[in-house]
Amino acid sequence: MVLTAAVLWGSTGTAQSFAPPQLSSYWVGALRLAVAGVFFAVWLLATERRALAPRAVAALPWRPIAAAGLCMAVYNLAFFAGVRASGVAVGTAIALGSAPVWAGLLQWLRARRSPAAAWWGGTALAVAGGALMVLAPASSGTGGTGLTTPGVALCLLAGLSYAVYAQVNQHLVAASSAAAVTGAAFTLAALLALPLAWVLAGPPVLVLRDLFIVGWLGVMSTGVAYLLLSHALRRIGSATAVALSLGEPVTAFALALLVVGERPGPAAFAGLGAVLLGLALVVRAELAGTASRPR
C-alpha cells in the first residue's frame, strides 16, 4: 500500500510540469489539500456515513488530528518554498532524503527502540540512490539554483513535518477510522494552507488545465495515496512507511523518461538501482521484525 501511494506521489512533479506558469506553487499545494478534504468527505459518505454524524465527529481525537493537520500544512508549504529556493533536484533530495532519517530518530526517541541495522542500511542506500537520481541532471546544467541556508532549512522542515505526520497518524488510525481521521487532518491542513497561500502568492489565477491538474493531485496523489498510507500504518512501523515512500523518486524518474521526455545519464540509472535495492532491504527488515514480535 505504501509503495502504491509512493507511485501516486511520484506523479506530482510530472503533473505540475503541465500547469501554466501563472498558478503559484503555493496555490498548487494549498488547493490539492482542499480537494483532498472534499475527496475524504465523499469517501466517507459512500463508505462510512456514520463517521460524519455530529456525535461521531465530536468524538474524534481532535488534538492529535490538529497536530497531523498542522504537519501536513507545514509540509506542503515548506516543500514548495524549499524547492523554489534550492531548485527541484536539490530540494527534492533533501526533503525526501531527510524524512526517513527523521522518522528513525523519532521512533528511537518515542519508543527507545531504534530500527534494526538492516533497516538503517537499506534506508541509507535508498536515500543515497534517490539523491543520485535527482541530483544527476545537475551535472549537465539542468539542476537547481544552488544551496542556500533558508532553502535547506525549509526542505529539512518538510522532511521533519512528513515524518512527524506519519508518527501521529499511526496512533490515530490504530483507534479510529482511517478515512475519518485522515480526512479531518487534511481539512484542517487546507484551512491553514489556503489563507497562507493567499498571503504568500496573492489571489489564484486558474485556467481549465489547472482544474484538471489540481483535481488529479488532490484526489489521486493526495486523497487516495494518504488513505493507503493510513491503512498501511496499521500494519507496519511509521519509520518503515516513511522509508518506503522513497519509491516516489523511482516513479518520478520513470515518468520523466516516458512522459516528459528527459534523458538522464548513467548516474541516474545507478541511483535507481540503489533505491530499489535499498527498499528491498527495508521491506526485508520490516518483515523480519514483524515475524520476531510476540503475537
Protein backbone atom coordinates (compact mmCIF):
# COMPACT_ATOMS: atom_id res chain seq x y z
CA MET A 1 0.00 0.00 0.00
CA VAL A 2 2.83 2.42 0.80
CA LEU A 3 4.59 1.68 -2.46
CA THR A 4 1.32 2.26 -4.35
CA ALA A 5 0.98 5.57 -2.52
CA ALA A 6 4.57 6.40 -3.47
CA VAL A 7 3.73 5.76 -7.13
CA LEU A 8 0.88 8.27 -6.85
CA TRP A 9 3.11 10.79 -5.06
CA GLY A 10 5.68 10.33 -7.80
CA SER A 11 3.23 11.68 -10.36
CA THR A 12 3.13 15.07 -8.61
CA GLY A 13 6.12 16.63 -10.34
CA THR A 14 5.04 15.45 -13.79
CA ALA A 15 1.50 16.75 -13.25
CA GLN A 16 2.84 20.12 -12.10
CA SER A 17 5.05 20.35 -15.19
CA PHE A 18 1.87 20.68 -17.26
CA ALA A 19 0.48 23.52 -15.12
CA PRO A 20 0.55 27.00 -16.72
CA PRO A 21 3.12 29.25 -15.03
CA GLN A 22 0.60 31.75 -13.66
CA LEU A 23 -0.54 29.35 -10.91
CA SER A 24 1.80 29.69 -7.93
CA SER A 25 3.28 26.55 -6.39
CA TYR A 26 1.86 27.69 -3.06
CA TRP A 27 -1.62 27.52 -4.53
CA VAL A 28 -0.92 24.10 -6.03
CA GLY A 29 -0.06 22.81 -2.57
CA ALA A 30 -2.99 24.50 -0.83
CA LEU A 31 -5.61 23.60 -3.44
CA ARG A 32 -4.62 19.95 -3.52
CA LEU A 33 -5.16 19.84 0.26
CA ALA A 34 -8.63 21.37 -0.22
CA VAL A 35 -9.52 18.87 -2.96
CA ALA A 36 -8.24 16.04 -0.75
CA GLY A 37 -10.56 17.22 2.03
CA VAL A 38 -13.51 17.05 -0.36
CA PHE A 39 -12.39 13.59 -1.52
CA PHE A 40 -12.41 12.24 2.03
CA ALA A 41 -15.87 13.72 2.66
CA VAL A 42 -17.23 11.97 -0.44
CA TRP A 43 -15.43 8.74 0.51
CA LEU A 44 -16.98 8.78 3.96
CA LEU A 45 -20.44 9.48 2.53
CA ALA A 46 -20.08 6.42 0.32
CA THR A 47 -18.42 4.02 2.78
CA GLU A 48 -18.73 5.21 6.40
CA ARG A 49 -21.67 7.62 6.60
CA ARG A 50 -21.88 7.15 10.36
CA ALA A 51 -18.46 8.80 10.70
CA LEU A 52 -20.00 12.09 9.50
CA ALA A 53 -22.68 12.17 12.20
CA PRO A 54 -22.21 15.12 14.59
CA ARG A 55 -21.70 12.81 17.57
CA ALA A 56 -19.03 10.80 15.72
CA VAL A 57 -17.25 13.95 14.56
CA ALA A 58 -17.27 15.37 18.10
CA ALA A 59 -15.83 12.10 19.45
CA LEU A 60 -12.77 12.22 17.18
CA PRO A 61 -9.40 12.80 18.90
CA TRP A 62 -9.10 16.39 17.73
CA ARG A 63 -5.84 17.27 19.47
CA PRO A 64 -3.68 14.75 17.54
CA ILE A 65 -5.76 15.41 14.42
CA ALA A 66 -4.87 19.11 14.72
CA ALA A 67 -1.20 18.15 15.08
CA ALA A 68 -1.42 15.97 11.95
CA GLY A 69 -3.16 18.74 10.01
CA LEU A 70 -0.53 21.28 11.06
CA CYS A 71 2.25 18.89 9.95
CA MET A 72 0.64 18.40 6.56
CA ALA A 73 0.12 22.14 6.02
CA VAL A 74 3.74 22.86 7.00
CA TYR A 75 4.97 20.03 4.79
CA ASN A 76 3.21 21.33 1.68
CA LEU A 77 4.22 24.97 2.08
CA ALA A 78 7.77 24.25 3.29
CA PHE A 79 8.39 21.75 0.49
CA PHE A 80 7.29 24.06 -2.31
CA ALA A 81 9.13 27.04 -0.79
CA GLY A 82 12.27 24.96 -0.24
CA VAL A 83 12.21 23.60 -3.77
CA ARG A 84 11.78 27.13 -5.10
CA ALA A 85 14.80 28.33 -3.09
CA SER A 86 17.08 25.34 -3.71
CA GLY A 87 15.88 24.02 -7.07
CA VAL A 88 13.82 20.96 -7.84
CA ALA A 89 16.69 18.44 -7.76
CA VAL A 90 18.45 19.59 -4.60
CA GLY A 91 15.24 20.46 -2.75
CA THR A 92 13.60 17.13 -3.51
CA ALA A 93 16.73 15.21 -2.50
CA ILE A 94 16.94 16.98 0.86
CA ALA A 95 13.24 16.76 1.70
CA LEU A 96 12.72 13.13 0.65
CA GLY A 97 16.12 12.01 1.85
CA SER A 98 15.82 13.53 5.30
CA ALA A 99 12.33 12.20 6.05
CA PRO A 100 13.36 8.54 6.72
CA VAL A 101 16.24 9.70 8.92
CA TRP A 102 13.88 11.94 10.90
CA ALA A 103 11.42 9.03 11.18
CA GLY A 104 14.07 6.64 12.51
CA LEU A 105 15.24 9.19 15.08
CA LEU A 106 11.67 9.97 16.16
CA GLN A 107 10.95 6.27 16.61
CA TRP A 108 14.04 5.95 18.79
CA LEU A 109 13.10 9.00 20.89
CA ARG A 110 9.49 7.89 21.31
CA ALA A 111 9.88 4.15 21.85
CA ARG A 112 13.56 3.96 22.83
CA ARG A 113 13.80 1.35 20.12
CA SER A 114 15.94 2.04 17.10
CA PRO A 115 15.13 0.30 13.80
CA ALA A 116 17.32 -2.69 13.02
CA ALA A 117 20.75 -2.30 11.44
CA ALA A 118 19.41 -3.78 8.18
CA TRP A 119 16.69 -1.07 8.15
CA TRP A 120 19.29 1.67 8.52
CA GLY A 121 21.47 0.09 5.83
CA GLY A 122 18.59 -0.18 3.37
CA THR A 123 17.39 3.34 4.17
CA ALA A 124 20.88 4.80 3.72
CA LEU A 125 21.23 3.01 0.38
CA ALA A 126 17.80 4.18 -0.80
CA VAL A 127 18.43 7.77 0.33
CA ALA A 128 21.79 7.83 -1.44
CA GLY A 129 20.26 6.36 -4.58
CA GLY A 130 17.39 8.84 -4.51
CA ALA A 131 19.81 11.74 -4.11
CA LEU A 132 21.86 10.42 -7.02
CA MET A 133 18.75 10.14 -9.19
CA VAL A 134 17.57 13.71 -8.65
CA LEU A 135 21.00 15.35 -8.48
CA ALA A 136 22.47 13.62 -11.54
CA PRO A 137 20.84 16.06 -14.04
CA ALA A 138 22.54 18.98 -12.25
CA SER A 139 25.89 17.90 -13.64
CA SER A 140 24.62 18.60 -17.15
CA GLY A 141 23.33 22.05 -16.29
CA THR A 142 19.65 21.25 -15.67
CA GLY A 143 19.77 21.17 -11.90
CA GLY A 144 18.59 23.58 -9.28
CA THR A 145 19.58 27.07 -8.33
CA GLY A 146 22.14 26.02 -5.71
CA LEU A 147 22.19 25.54 -1.96
CA THR A 148 21.02 28.33 0.31
CA THR A 149 20.61 28.19 4.08
CA PRO A 150 16.89 29.10 4.02
CA GLY A 151 16.23 26.63 1.21
CA VAL A 152 17.98 23.77 3.01
CA ALA A 153 16.19 24.64 6.27
CA LEU A 154 12.79 24.62 4.56
CA CYS A 155 13.45 21.26 2.89
CA LEU A 156 14.62 19.75 6.19
CA LEU A 157 11.48 21.16 7.82
CA ALA A 158 9.38 19.50 5.11
CA GLY A 159 11.06 16.14 5.76
CA LEU A 160 10.58 16.50 9.52
CA SER A 161 6.92 17.50 9.09
CA TYR A 162 6.19 14.43 6.99
CA ALA A 163 7.97 12.14 9.48
CA VAL A 164 6.01 13.61 12.42
CA TYR A 165 2.76 13.29 10.44
CA ALA A 166 3.43 9.57 9.90
CA GLN A 167 4.10 9.06 13.62
CA VAL A 168 0.95 10.93 14.70
CA ASN A 169 -1.21 9.31 12.04
CA GLN A 170 -0.09 5.84 13.07
CA HIS A 171 -1.54 6.42 16.55
CA LEU A 172 -4.72 7.94 15.12
CA VAL A 173 -5.56 5.08 12.75
CA ALA A 174 -4.91 2.48 15.45
CA ALA A 175 -8.03 3.58 17.33
CA SER A 176 -10.19 5.45 14.80
CA SER A 177 -11.46 5.25 11.23
CA ALA A 178 -8.52 5.82 8.90
CA ALA A 179 -10.62 7.79 6.44
CA ALA A 180 -12.26 9.91 9.16
CA VAL A 181 -9.09 10.99 10.95
CA THR A 182 -7.11 11.46 7.74
CA GLY A 183 -9.92 13.47 6.17
CA ALA A 184 -10.22 15.65 9.26
CA ALA A 185 -6.46 16.26 9.27
CA PHE A 186 -6.43 17.26 5.60
CA THR A 187 -9.43 19.53 6.04
CA LEU A 188 -7.64 21.36 8.84
CA ALA A 189 -4.47 21.47 6.75
CA ALA A 190 -6.39 23.08 3.89
CA LEU A 191 -7.93 25.65 6.25
CA LEU A 192 -4.41 26.59 7.33
CA ALA A 193 -2.77 26.47 3.90
CA LEU A 194 -5.36 28.39 1.84
CA PRO A 195 -5.03 31.74 3.68
CA LEU A 196 -1.25 31.34 3.82
CA ALA A 197 -1.15 30.78 0.06
CA TRP A 198 -3.22 33.94 -0.39
CA VAL A 199 -0.74 35.91 1.76
CA LEU A 200 2.33 34.46 0.04
CA ALA A 201 1.11 34.44 -3.59
CA GLY A 202 -1.98 36.65 -3.80
CA PRO A 203 -5.28 35.50 -5.31
CA PRO A 204 -5.05 32.43 -7.57
CA VAL A 205 -5.27 32.69 -11.35
CA LEU A 206 -6.84 29.47 -12.62
CA VAL A 207 -7.43 28.14 -16.11
CA LEU A 208 -9.22 24.95 -17.14
CA ARG A 209 -6.00 22.92 -17.27
CA ASP A 210 -5.22 23.91 -13.67
CA LEU A 211 -8.52 22.39 -12.54
CA PHE A 212 -7.65 19.02 -14.06
CA ILE A 213 -4.12 19.09 -12.61
CA VAL A 214 -5.24 20.13 -9.13
CA GLY A 215 -8.03 17.54 -9.33
CA TRP A 216 -5.54 14.76 -10.05
CA LEU A 217 -3.17 15.96 -7.34
CA GLY A 218 -5.95 16.31 -4.77
CA VAL A 219 -7.82 13.07 -5.46
CA MET A 220 -5.13 10.60 -6.52
CA SER A 221 -1.73 11.98 -5.40
CA THR A 222 -3.12 13.13 -2.04
CA GLY A 223 -6.51 11.61 -1.14
CA VAL A 224 -6.07 8.04 -2.38
CA ALA A 225 -2.34 8.00 -1.58
CA TYR A 226 -2.73 9.10 2.04
CA LEU A 227 -5.72 6.83 2.55
CA LEU A 228 -3.46 3.93 1.52
CA LEU A 229 -0.73 5.21 3.85
CA SER A 230 -3.16 5.44 6.76
CA HIS A 231 -4.31 1.84 6.29
CA ALA A 232 -0.70 0.67 5.92
CA LEU A 233 0.29 2.33 9.21
CA ARG A 234 -1.96 -0.18 10.99
CA ARG A 235 0.36 -2.96 9.84
CA ILE A 236 3.91 -1.59 9.62
CA GLY A 237 6.07 0.85 11.57
CA SER A 238 5.91 4.54 10.73
CA ALA A 239 9.68 4.67 10.14
CA THR A 240 9.39 1.87 7.57
CA ALA A 241 6.42 3.57 5.90
CA VAL A 242 8.43 6.77 5.52
CA ALA A 243 11.39 4.83 4.14
CA LEU A 244 9.19 3.02 1.61
CA SER A 245 7.92 6.39 0.38
CA LEU A 246 11.32 6.68 -1.32
CA GLY A 247 9.59 4.76 -4.09
CA GLU A 248 8.34 8.23 -5.10
CA PRO A 249 11.55 9.28 -6.94
CA VAL A 250 11.52 5.95 -8.79
CA THR A 251 8.09 6.79 -10.20
CA ALA A 252 9.12 10.36 -10.94
CA PHE A 253 12.16 9.01 -12.77
CA ALA A 254 10.06 6.65 -14.90
CA LEU A 255 7.53 9.38 -15.74
CA ALA A 256 10.32 11.78 -16.65
CA LEU A 257 11.53 9.20 -19.17
CA LEU A 258 8.16 8.14 -20.58
CA VAL A 259 6.09 11.33 -20.41
CA VAL A 260 8.33 14.38 -20.10
CA GLY A 261 10.98 13.02 -22.47
CA GLU A 262 14.01 13.57 -20.23
CA ARG A 263 17.15 11.53 -20.90
CA PRO A 264 19.07 11.02 -17.63
CA GLY A 265 22.64 9.76 -17.64
CA PRO A 266 24.19 6.56 -16.25
CA ALA A 267 24.48 8.02 -12.73
CA ALA A 268 20.71 8.38 -12.52
CA PHE A 269 20.20 4.74 -13.52
CA ALA A 270 22.76 3.69 -10.89
CA GLY A 271 20.74 5.68 -8.34
CA LEU A 272 17.58 3.89 -9.47
CA GLY A 273 19.20 0.53 -8.78
CA ALA A 274 20.37 1.70 -5.35
CA VAL A 275 16.87 2.85 -4.41
CA LEU A 276 15.29 -0.45 -5.46
CA LEU A 277 17.90 -2.48 -3.57
CA GLY A 278 17.57 -0.26 -0.51
CA LEU A 279 13.78 -0.57 -0.49
CA ALA A 280 14.09 -4.36 -0.75
CA LEU A 281 16.35 -4.34 2.34
CA VAL A 282 13.88 -2.12 4.25
CA VAL A 283 10.98 -4.46 3.42
CA ARG A 284 13.04 -7.48 4.46
CA ALA A 285 13.96 -5.82 7.77
CA GLU A 286 10.31 -4.93 8.46
CA LEU A 287 9.13 -8.47 7.69
CA ALA A 288 11.85 -9.94 9.92
CA GLY A 289 10.89 -7.56 12.73
CA THR A 290 7.20 -8.40 12.38
CA ALA A 291 7.92 -12.12 12.49
CA SER A 292 10.01 -11.74 15.65
CA ARG A 293 7.44 -9.67 17.57
CA PRO A 294 5.19 -11.55 20.04
CA ARG A 295 1.64 -12.04 18.83
